[in-house]
């Protein structure tokens, strides 16, 4: 299982994710908001996106009981992060 080492919330609904193998990606959640109805709450409810957290197993980013992103999806579909 792919584990998340660190997560930062960036502007414009982007997650900056670093995994245990030090791969770092930016994951744009806007596409999910367009395709998955419950994810629209991340845009509609003020401040909800900024409440993202890593679950205890470090295998998922969660917002609430209906909205989460598994680490394997983030790992596979995230774009290589810009160096900072």
N, C-alpha and C. Protein backbone atom coordinates (compact mmCIF):
# COMPACT_ATOMS: atom_id res chain seq x y z
N UNK A 1 0.85 -1.18 0.00
CA UNK A 1 0.00 0.00 0.00
C UNK A 1 0.90 1.25 0.00
N UNK A 2 0.52 2.21 -0.78
CA UNK A 2 1.26 3.47 -0.88
C UNK A 2 0.85 4.37 0.27
N UNK A 3 1.83 4.83 1.03
CA UNK A 3 1.54 5.68 2.19
C UNK A 3 1.95 7.12 1.92
N UNK A 4 1.16 8.03 2.47
CA UNK A 4 1.41 9.45 2.33
C UNK A 4 2.29 9.91 3.48
N UNK A 5 3.36 10.58 3.15
CA UNK A 5 4.28 11.10 4.16
C UNK A 5 3.86 12.50 4.60
N UNK A 6 3.46 13.32 3.63
CA UNK A 6 3.13 14.73 3.92
C UNK A 6 2.13 15.24 2.88
N UNK A 7 1.29 16.18 3.31
CA UNK A 7 0.33 16.81 2.42
C UNK A 7 0.27 18.29 2.72
N UNK A 8 0.23 19.09 1.66
CA UNK A 8 0.01 20.53 1.79
C UNK A 8 -1.15 20.89 0.89
N UNK A 9 -1.95 21.83 1.37
CA UNK A 9 -3.08 22.32 0.59
C UNK A 9 -2.63 23.58 -0.14
N UNK A 10 -2.77 23.56 -1.46
CA UNK A 10 -2.38 24.70 -2.28
C UNK A 10 -3.63 25.43 -2.80
N UNK A 11 -3.45 26.64 -3.28
CA UNK A 11 -4.60 27.35 -3.87
C UNK A 11 -5.18 26.61 -5.08
N UNK A 12 -6.39 26.96 -5.43
CA UNK A 12 -7.07 26.47 -6.63
C UNK A 12 -7.32 24.96 -6.57
N UNK A 13 -7.60 24.44 -5.37
CA UNK A 13 -8.00 23.04 -5.17
C UNK A 13 -6.92 22.04 -5.60
N UNK A 14 -5.67 22.36 -5.25
CA UNK A 14 -4.54 21.49 -5.54
C UNK A 14 -4.00 20.92 -4.22
N UNK A 15 -3.68 19.63 -4.23
CA UNK A 15 -3.01 19.00 -3.09
C UNK A 15 -1.56 18.71 -3.49
N UNK A 16 -0.64 19.06 -2.62
CA UNK A 16 0.78 18.78 -2.79
C UNK A 16 1.07 17.58 -1.88
N UNK A 17 1.34 16.43 -2.49
CA UNK A 17 1.47 15.18 -1.74
C UNK A 17 2.89 14.63 -1.88
N UNK A 18 3.48 14.24 -0.76
CA UNK A 18 4.75 13.52 -0.76
C UNK A 18 4.49 12.15 -0.15
N UNK A 19 4.98 11.12 -0.84
CA UNK A 19 4.78 9.74 -0.41
C UNK A 19 6.02 9.22 0.31
N UNK A 20 5.89 8.07 0.95
CA UNK A 20 7.01 7.48 1.69
C UNK A 20 8.24 7.21 0.82
N UNK A 21 8.04 7.00 -0.48
CA UNK A 21 9.19 6.78 -1.36
C UNK A 21 9.76 8.10 -1.89
N UNK A 22 9.28 9.22 -1.32
CA UNK A 22 9.69 10.58 -1.66
C UNK A 22 9.21 11.08 -3.01
N UNK A 23 8.36 10.30 -3.70
CA UNK A 23 7.70 10.83 -4.89
C UNK A 23 6.80 11.97 -4.43
N UNK A 24 6.83 13.07 -5.18
CA UNK A 24 6.01 14.23 -4.83
C UNK A 24 5.15 14.61 -6.03
N UNK A 25 3.85 14.77 -5.79
CA UNK A 25 2.92 15.11 -6.87
C UNK A 25 2.01 16.25 -6.45
N UNK A 26 1.48 16.91 -7.45
CA UNK A 26 0.38 17.85 -7.26
C UNK A 26 -0.85 17.18 -7.86
N UNK A 27 -1.91 17.12 -7.07
CA UNK A 27 -3.15 16.51 -7.53
C UNK A 27 -4.22 17.58 -7.59
N UNK A 28 -4.78 17.78 -8.78
CA UNK A 28 -5.82 18.79 -9.00
C UNK A 28 -7.18 18.14 -8.74
N UNK A 29 -7.86 18.59 -7.71
CA UNK A 29 -9.13 17.99 -7.31
C UNK A 29 -10.30 18.51 -8.14
N UNK A 30 -10.09 19.57 -8.93
CA UNK A 30 -11.18 20.15 -9.72
C UNK A 30 -11.83 19.15 -10.67
N UNK A 31 -11.03 18.26 -11.27
CA UNK A 31 -11.61 17.26 -12.18
C UNK A 31 -12.57 16.34 -11.43
N UNK A 32 -12.19 15.94 -10.23
CA UNK A 32 -13.07 15.10 -9.42
C UNK A 32 -14.36 15.85 -9.08
N UNK A 33 -14.25 17.15 -8.83
CA UNK A 33 -15.44 17.94 -8.50
C UNK A 33 -16.42 17.96 -9.68
N UNK A 34 -15.90 17.93 -10.89
CA UNK A 34 -16.76 17.94 -12.07
C UNK A 34 -17.40 16.58 -12.33
N UNK A 35 -16.73 15.51 -11.93
CA UNK A 35 -17.19 14.16 -12.26
C UNK A 35 -17.93 13.44 -11.14
N UNK A 36 -17.65 13.81 -9.88
CA UNK A 36 -18.26 13.11 -8.74
C UNK A 36 -19.11 14.11 -7.96
N UNK A 37 -20.44 13.93 -7.98
CA UNK A 37 -21.33 14.93 -7.38
C UNK A 37 -20.99 15.34 -5.96
N UNK A 38 -20.64 14.40 -5.07
CA UNK A 38 -20.37 14.77 -3.68
C UNK A 38 -19.13 15.65 -3.55
N UNK A 39 -18.20 15.56 -4.49
CA UNK A 39 -16.98 16.37 -4.44
C UNK A 39 -17.26 17.84 -4.70
N UNK A 40 -18.39 18.15 -5.31
CA UNK A 40 -18.76 19.55 -5.56
C UNK A 40 -18.86 20.33 -4.24
N UNK A 41 -19.15 19.63 -3.14
CA UNK A 41 -19.20 20.28 -1.83
C UNK A 41 -17.87 20.96 -1.49
N UNK A 42 -16.76 20.43 -2.01
CA UNK A 42 -15.45 21.04 -1.73
C UNK A 42 -15.37 22.46 -2.26
N UNK A 43 -16.09 22.74 -3.33
CA UNK A 43 -16.14 24.09 -3.89
C UNK A 43 -17.29 24.90 -3.26
N UNK A 44 -18.41 24.23 -3.04
CA UNK A 44 -19.63 24.90 -2.60
C UNK A 44 -19.59 25.32 -1.13
N UNK A 45 -19.02 24.49 -0.27
CA UNK A 45 -19.01 24.76 1.17
C UNK A 45 -17.71 25.49 1.51
N UNK A 46 -17.85 26.73 1.89
CA UNK A 46 -16.69 27.58 2.18
C UNK A 46 -15.79 26.95 3.24
N UNK A 47 -14.52 26.78 2.90
CA UNK A 47 -13.53 26.28 3.85
C UNK A 47 -13.41 24.77 3.93
N UNK A 48 -14.31 24.02 3.28
CA UNK A 48 -14.25 22.55 3.39
C UNK A 48 -12.97 21.99 2.78
N UNK A 49 -12.57 22.49 1.62
CA UNK A 49 -11.35 21.96 0.99
C UNK A 49 -10.16 22.07 1.92
N UNK A 50 -10.06 23.18 2.64
CA UNK A 50 -8.94 23.42 3.54
C UNK A 50 -8.93 22.52 4.77
N UNK A 51 -9.97 21.72 4.94
CA UNK A 51 -10.04 20.78 6.07
C UNK A 51 -9.49 19.40 5.72
N UNK A 52 -8.87 19.27 4.54
CA UNK A 52 -8.29 17.98 4.14
C UNK A 52 -7.27 17.52 5.17
N UNK A 53 -7.26 16.21 5.42
CA UNK A 53 -6.30 15.63 6.35
C UNK A 53 -5.95 14.23 5.89
N UNK A 54 -4.84 13.73 6.37
CA UNK A 54 -4.42 12.37 6.06
C UNK A 54 -5.02 11.45 7.12
N UNK A 55 -5.60 10.34 6.69
CA UNK A 55 -6.19 9.41 7.66
C UNK A 55 -5.10 8.70 8.46
N UNK A 56 -5.51 8.01 9.50
CA UNK A 56 -4.57 7.37 10.44
C UNK A 56 -3.67 6.34 9.76
N UNK A 57 -4.16 5.68 8.71
CA UNK A 57 -3.36 4.67 8.02
C UNK A 57 -2.39 5.29 7.02
N UNK A 58 -2.51 6.57 6.80
CA UNK A 58 -1.72 7.34 5.83
C UNK A 58 -1.91 6.84 4.40
N UNK A 59 -3.09 6.30 4.10
CA UNK A 59 -3.38 5.79 2.76
C UNK A 59 -4.53 6.52 2.08
N UNK A 60 -4.94 7.64 2.67
CA UNK A 60 -6.09 8.35 2.13
C UNK A 60 -6.09 9.80 2.62
N UNK A 61 -6.49 10.72 1.73
CA UNK A 61 -6.77 12.09 2.13
C UNK A 61 -8.28 12.15 2.30
N UNK A 62 -8.74 12.66 3.43
CA UNK A 62 -10.17 12.69 3.72
C UNK A 62 -10.62 14.10 4.08
N UNK A 63 -11.89 14.35 3.75
CA UNK A 63 -12.55 15.59 4.17
C UNK A 63 -13.70 15.28 5.11
N UNK A 64 -14.50 14.30 4.76
CA UNK A 64 -15.62 13.89 5.60
C UNK A 64 -15.98 12.45 5.23
N UNK A 65 -17.10 11.96 5.70
CA UNK A 65 -17.45 10.55 5.45
C UNK A 65 -17.82 10.26 4.00
N UNK A 66 -18.04 11.29 3.19
CA UNK A 66 -18.42 11.09 1.80
C UNK A 66 -17.31 11.44 0.80
N UNK A 67 -16.31 12.19 1.24
CA UNK A 67 -15.29 12.68 0.30
C UNK A 67 -13.91 12.26 0.78
N UNK A 68 -13.24 11.44 -0.03
CA UNK A 68 -11.86 11.04 0.26
C UNK A 68 -11.15 10.68 -1.04
N UNK A 69 -9.84 10.66 -0.98
CA UNK A 69 -9.01 10.29 -2.13
C UNK A 69 -7.97 9.28 -1.67
N UNK A 70 -8.02 8.06 -2.19
CA UNK A 70 -7.04 7.04 -1.82
C UNK A 70 -5.65 7.39 -2.33
N UNK A 71 -4.65 6.97 -1.59
CA UNK A 71 -3.26 7.28 -1.95
C UNK A 71 -2.86 6.72 -3.30
N UNK A 72 -3.38 5.54 -3.68
CA UNK A 72 -2.98 4.98 -4.97
C UNK A 72 -3.48 5.83 -6.14
N UNK A 73 -4.65 6.45 -5.99
CA UNK A 73 -5.16 7.36 -7.03
C UNK A 73 -4.29 8.61 -7.09
N UNK A 74 -3.97 9.17 -5.93
CA UNK A 74 -3.10 10.36 -5.88
C UNK A 74 -1.75 10.06 -6.51
N UNK A 75 -1.20 8.90 -6.20
CA UNK A 75 0.12 8.50 -6.69
C UNK A 75 0.11 8.33 -8.21
N UNK A 76 -0.91 7.66 -8.71
CA UNK A 76 -0.96 7.36 -10.14
C UNK A 76 -1.32 8.57 -11.01
N UNK A 77 -2.27 9.39 -10.54
CA UNK A 77 -2.78 10.45 -11.40
C UNK A 77 -2.25 11.84 -11.06
N UNK A 78 -1.51 11.98 -9.97
CA UNK A 78 -0.92 13.26 -9.64
C UNK A 78 0.17 13.63 -10.65
N UNK A 79 0.36 14.91 -10.85
CA UNK A 79 1.40 15.42 -11.75
C UNK A 79 2.66 15.70 -10.94
N UNK A 80 3.80 15.43 -11.53
CA UNK A 80 5.06 15.69 -10.85
C UNK A 80 5.08 17.13 -10.35
N UNK A 81 5.35 17.30 -9.07
CA UNK A 81 5.31 18.62 -8.44
C UNK A 81 6.48 19.47 -8.89
N UNK A 82 6.21 20.78 -8.97
CA UNK A 82 7.28 21.74 -9.26
C UNK A 82 8.20 21.80 -8.05
N UNK A 83 9.46 22.00 -8.29
CA UNK A 83 10.40 22.10 -7.19
C UNK A 83 10.23 23.44 -6.49
N UNK A 84 10.33 23.40 -5.17
CA UNK A 84 10.22 24.66 -4.41
C UNK A 84 11.36 24.77 -3.43
